[in-house]
Amino acid sequence: MEKMFYLGLMLGMVGGALIVANSYKARSLVKKSQSEIMEKVNEMMDEKLAAQKGSDGEKVERSAKNK
C-alpha cells in the first residue's frame, strides 16, 4: 500500500512539473507563490531574531544587576 502511495506521489509530482514547465500561467503562479512565501519566512525570521536580541539584552542586564 505504501508503494502505491509513493508511486502516486511521484507521478503527481512529475505531472505537476510537466504542467508548470509547459504553461506560462502556471509558471508565473508558482513564481508568485514562492516569492510570497519567501517574504513571509523572512518576516518571521526577522521577528525571531529581534525577540532573541531582546531576550539576550535582558539576560545581560539581569546578570549585571546580580553582581
C-alpha atoms as a PDB file:
ATOM      1  CA  MET A   1       0.000   0.000   0.000  1.00  0.00           C
ATOM      2  CA  GLU A   2       2.864   2.372   0.804  1.00  0.00           C
ATOM      3  CA  LYS A   3       4.488   1.615  -2.523  1.00  0.00           C
ATOM      4  CA  MET A   4       1.327   2.616  -4.360  1.00  0.00           C
ATOM      5  CA  PHE A   5       1.122   5.823  -2.337  1.00  0.00           C
ATOM      6  CA  TYR A   6       4.711   6.763  -3.138  1.00  0.00           C
ATOM      7  CA  LEU A   7       4.234   5.828  -6.788  1.00  0.00           C
ATOM      8  CA  GLY A   8       1.163   8.059  -6.993  1.00  0.00           C
ATOM      9  CA  LEU A   9       3.006  10.840  -5.220  1.00  0.00           C
ATOM     10  CA  MET A  10       5.908  10.649  -7.648  1.00  0.00           C
ATOM     11  CA  LEU A  11       3.619  10.531 -10.686  1.00  0.00           C
ATOM     12  CA  GLY A  12       1.727  13.548  -9.358  1.00  0.00           C
ATOM     13  CA  MET A  13       4.938  15.477  -8.840  1.00  0.00           C
ATOM     14  CA  VAL A  14       6.184  14.654 -12.328  1.00  0.00           C
ATOM     15  CA  GLY A  15       2.812  15.540 -13.855  1.00  0.00           C
ATOM     16  CA  GLY A  16       2.718  18.823 -11.958  1.00  0.00           C
ATOM     17  CA  ALA A  17       6.241  19.661 -13.039  1.00  0.00           C
ATOM     18  CA  LEU A  18       5.330  18.993 -16.674  1.00  0.00           C
ATOM     19  CA  ILE A  19       2.251  21.197 -16.445  1.00  0.00           C
ATOM     20  CA  VAL A  20       4.215  24.035 -14.860  1.00  0.00           C
ATOM     21  CA  ALA A  21       7.031  23.678 -17.386  1.00  0.00           C
ATOM     22  CA  ASN A  22       4.641  23.929 -20.332  1.00  0.00           C
ATOM     23  CA  SER A  23       2.218  26.567 -19.063  1.00  0.00           C
ATOM     24  CA  TYR A  24       3.174  30.229 -18.697  1.00  0.00           C
ATOM     25  CA  LYS A  25       0.245  30.968 -16.361  1.00  0.00           C
ATOM     26  CA  ALA A  26       1.084  28.078 -14.060  1.00  0.00           C
ATOM     27  CA  ARG A  27       4.781  29.002 -14.056  1.00  0.00           C
ATOM     28  CA  SER A  28       4.043  32.622 -13.161  1.00  0.00           C
ATOM     29  CA  LEU A  29       1.640  31.492 -10.431  1.00  0.00           C
ATOM     30  CA  VAL A  30       4.326  29.263  -8.920  1.00  0.00           C
ATOM     31  CA  LYS A  31       6.902  32.071  -9.004  1.00  0.00           C
ATOM     32  CA  LYS A  32       4.452  34.486  -7.380  1.00  0.00           C
ATOM     33  CA  SER A  33       3.608  31.996  -4.638  1.00  0.00           C
ATOM     34  CA  GLN A  34       7.281  31.288  -3.990  1.00  0.00           C
ATOM     35  CA  SER A  35       8.074  34.970  -3.604  1.00  0.00           C
ATOM     36  CA  GLU A  36       5.151  35.457  -1.194  1.00  0.00           C
ATOM     37  CA  ILE A  37       6.273  32.511   0.914  1.00  0.00           C
ATOM     38  CA  MET A  38       9.861  33.768   0.990  1.00  0.00           C
ATOM     39  CA  GLU A  39       8.679  37.205   2.149  1.00  0.00           C
ATOM     40  CA  LYS A  40       6.648  35.658   4.974  1.00  0.00           C
ATOM     41  CA  VAL A  41       9.554  33.433   6.032  1.00  0.00           C
ATOM     42  CA  ASN A  42      11.907  36.420   6.057  1.00  0.00           C
ATOM     43  CA  GLU A  43       9.468  38.411   8.195  1.00  0.00           C
ATOM     44  CA  MET A  44       9.144  35.546  10.668  1.00  0.00           C
ATOM     45  CA  MET A  45      12.918  35.145  10.888  1.00  0.00           C
ATOM     46  CA  ASP A  46      13.358  38.889  11.475  1.00  0.00           C
ATOM     47  CA  GLU A  47      10.806  38.742  14.291  1.00  0.00           C
ATOM     48  CA  LYS A  48      12.543  35.753  15.900  1.00  0.00           C
ATOM     49  CA  LEU A  49      15.940  37.435  15.663  1.00  0.00           C
ATOM     50  CA  ALA A  50      14.552  40.616  17.198  1.00  0.00           C
ATOM     51  CA  ALA A  51      12.985  38.595  20.015  1.00  0.00           C
ATOM     52  CA  GLN A  52      16.272  36.801  20.660  1.00  0.00           C
ATOM     53  CA  LYS A  53      18.195  40.058  20.751  1.00  0.00           C
ATOM     54  CA  GLY A  54      15.665  41.449  23.207  1.00  0.00           C
ATOM     55  CA  SER A  55      15.854  38.424  25.482  1.00  0.00           C
ATOM     56  CA  ASP A  56      19.674  38.413  25.319  1.00  0.00           C
ATOM     57  CA  GLY A  57      19.726  42.046  26.421  1.00  0.00           C
ATOM     58  CA  GLU A  58      17.501  41.260  29.394  1.00  0.00           C
ATOM     59  CA  LYS A  59      19.771  38.387  30.436  1.00  0.00           C
ATOM     60  CA  VAL A  60      22.812  40.650  30.314  1.00  0.00           C
ATOM     61  CA  GLU A  61      21.072  43.318  32.384  1.00  0.00           C
ATOM     62  CA  ARG A  62      19.921  40.774  34.979  1.00  0.00           C
ATOM     63  CA  SER A  63      23.402  39.265  35.344  1.00  0.00           C
ATOM     64  CA  ALA A  64      24.912  42.761  35.716  1.00  0.00           C
ATOM     65  CA  LYS A  65      22.415  43.622  38.474  1.00  0.00           C
ATOM     66  CA  ASN A  66      23.134  40.406  40.368  1.00  0.00           C
ATOM     67  CA  LYS A  67      26.868  41.191  40.603  1.00  0.00           C
END
